[in-house]
C-alpha atoms as a PDB file:
ATOM      1  CA  MET A   1     -27.512 -50.194 -95.444  1.00  0.00           C
ATOM      2  CA  SER A   2     -23.552 -51.316 -95.584  1.00  0.00           C
ATOM      3  CA  SER A   3     -22.472 -54.857 -94.445  1.00  0.00           C
ATOM      4  CA  LYS A   4     -20.538 -55.201 -91.002  1.00  0.00           C
ATOM      5  CA  ALA A   5     -17.723 -56.408 -93.222  1.00  0.00           C
ATOM      6  CA  GLU A   6     -18.060 -53.180 -95.579  1.00  0.00           C
ATOM      7  CA  LEU A   7     -18.350 -50.837 -92.822  1.00  0.00           C
ATOM      8  CA  ILE A   8     -15.370 -52.612 -90.970  1.00  0.00           C
ATOM      9  CA  LYS A   9     -13.478 -52.472 -94.107  1.00  0.00           C
ATOM     10  CA  GLU A  10     -14.174 -48.781 -94.944  1.00  0.00           C
ATOM     11  CA  MET A  11     -13.087 -47.972 -91.225  1.00  0.00           C
ATOM     12  CA  LEU A  12      -9.920 -49.777 -92.065  1.00  0.00           C
ATOM     13  CA  GLU A  13      -9.233 -47.595 -95.138  1.00  0.00           C
ATOM     14  CA  MET A  14      -9.962 -44.466 -92.895  1.00  0.00           C
ATOM     15  CA  GLN A  15      -7.537 -45.345 -90.287  1.00  0.00           C
ATOM     16  CA  LYS A  16      -5.161 -46.236 -93.066  1.00  0.00           C
ATOM     17  CA  LYS A  17      -5.721 -42.535 -94.696  1.00  0.00           C
ATOM     18  CA  PHE A  18      -5.242 -40.928 -90.848  1.00  0.00           C
ATOM     19  CA  ALA A  19      -2.465 -43.081 -90.494  1.00  0.00           C
ATOM     20  CA  ASP A  20      -0.476 -41.766 -93.545  1.00  0.00           C
ATOM     21  CA  TYR A  21      -1.646 -38.240 -93.133  1.00  0.00           C
ATOM     22  CA  GLU A  22      -0.590 -37.903 -89.820  1.00  0.00           C
ATOM     23  CA  HIS A  23       2.831 -39.910 -90.785  1.00  0.00           C
ATOM     24  CA  LYS A  24       3.154 -37.297 -93.593  1.00  0.00           C
ATOM     25  CA  ASN A  25       1.764 -34.154 -91.682  1.00  0.00           C
ATOM     26  CA  GLY A  26       1.422 -35.127 -87.771  1.00  0.00           C
ATOM     27  CA  VAL A  27      -1.564 -33.950 -85.668  1.00  0.00           C
ATOM     28  CA  ASP A  28      -1.542 -32.539 -82.684  1.00  0.00           C
ATOM     29  CA  PRO A  29      -5.057 -32.936 -80.077  1.00  0.00           C
ATOM     30  CA  GLN A  30      -6.666 -29.993 -81.104  1.00  0.00           C
ATOM     31  CA  GLU A  31      -6.841 -30.257 -85.568  1.00  0.00           C
ATOM     32  CA  TYR A  32      -7.996 -33.522 -83.940  1.00  0.00           C
ATOM     33  CA  PHE A  33     -10.875 -32.928 -82.157  1.00  0.00           C
ATOM     34  CA  THR A  34     -11.608 -29.330 -83.386  1.00  0.00           C
ATOM     35  CA  PRO A  35     -10.351 -29.382 -86.879  1.00  0.00           C
ATOM     36  CA  GLU A  36     -10.845 -26.563 -89.406  1.00  0.00           C
ATOM     37  CA  PRO A  37     -13.572 -26.672 -91.640  1.00  0.00           C
ATOM     38  CA  GLY A  38     -12.722 -28.376 -94.794  1.00  0.00           C
ATOM     39  CA  SER A  39      -9.661 -29.946 -93.366  1.00  0.00           C
ATOM     40  CA  GLU A  40      -8.751 -33.767 -94.510  1.00  0.00           C
ATOM     41  CA  LEU A  41     -10.079 -34.351 -90.736  1.00  0.00           C
ATOM     42  CA  ASP A  42     -13.050 -32.195 -91.388  1.00  0.00           C
ATOM     43  CA  GLY A  43     -15.797 -34.675 -89.692  1.00  0.00           C
ATOM     44  CA  TYR A  44     -13.360 -37.722 -89.391  1.00  0.00           C
ATOM     45  CA  ARG A  45     -14.031 -38.541 -86.042  1.00  0.00           C
ATOM     46  CA  GLN A  46     -17.669 -38.030 -86.485  1.00  0.00           C
ATOM     47  CA  LYS A  47     -18.236 -40.467 -89.435  1.00  0.00           C
ATOM     48  CA  TYR A  48     -15.562 -43.129 -87.651  1.00  0.00           C
ATOM     49  CA  MET A  49     -17.596 -43.065 -84.414  1.00  0.00           C
ATOM     50  CA  GLU A  50     -20.989 -43.326 -86.741  1.00  0.00           C
ATOM     51  CA  MET A  51     -19.728 -46.347 -88.669  1.00  0.00           C
ATOM     52  CA  ALA A  52     -18.462 -47.677 -85.002  1.00  0.00           C
ATOM     53  CA  MET A  53     -21.355 -47.571 -83.707  1.00  0.00           C
ATOM     54  CA  LYS A  54     -23.251 -49.640 -86.466  1.00  0.00           C
ATOM     55  CA  VAL A  55     -21.009 -51.811 -85.926  1.00  0.00           C
ATOM     56  CA  VAL A  56     -21.808 -52.458 -83.067  1.00  0.00           C
ATOM     57  CA  ASP A  57     -25.084 -52.439 -83.089  1.00  0.00           C
ATOM     58  CA  MET A  58     -24.783 -55.407 -85.953  1.00  0.00           C
ATOM     59  CA  ALA A  59     -22.987 -57.277 -83.719  1.00  0.00           C
ATOM     60  CA  HIS A  60     -25.386 -57.265 -80.595  1.00  0.00           C
ATOM     61  CA  LYS A  61     -28.000 -58.067 -83.125  1.00  0.00           C
ATOM     62  CA  GLU A  62     -26.360 -61.127 -84.753  1.00  0.00           C
ATOM     63  CA  ALA A  63     -25.632 -62.459 -80.510  1.00  0.00           C
ATOM     64  CA  GLY A  64     -28.878 -61.696 -79.657  1.00  0.00           C
ATOM     65  CA  SER A  65     -27.607 -58.841 -76.921  1.00  0.00           C
ATOM     66  CA  HIS A  66     -27.999 -55.086 -76.566  1.00  0.00           C
ATOM     67  CA  ARG A  67     -25.931 -52.305 -75.196  1.00  0.00           C
END
């Protein structure tokens, strides 16, 4: 399992790639929320959300709290 720092690093890399893609191509809401299969954004939101929730869970575990 990835450490929290590794997940955050990967998320930042994903954000950079997304920003680069957006600057070059523009992104409309339909493309972001319902991307075409095989497009660069296909699976992006889902993967990013899963990673973010793992980070949240790890942070709660470290703090001894829960969500």
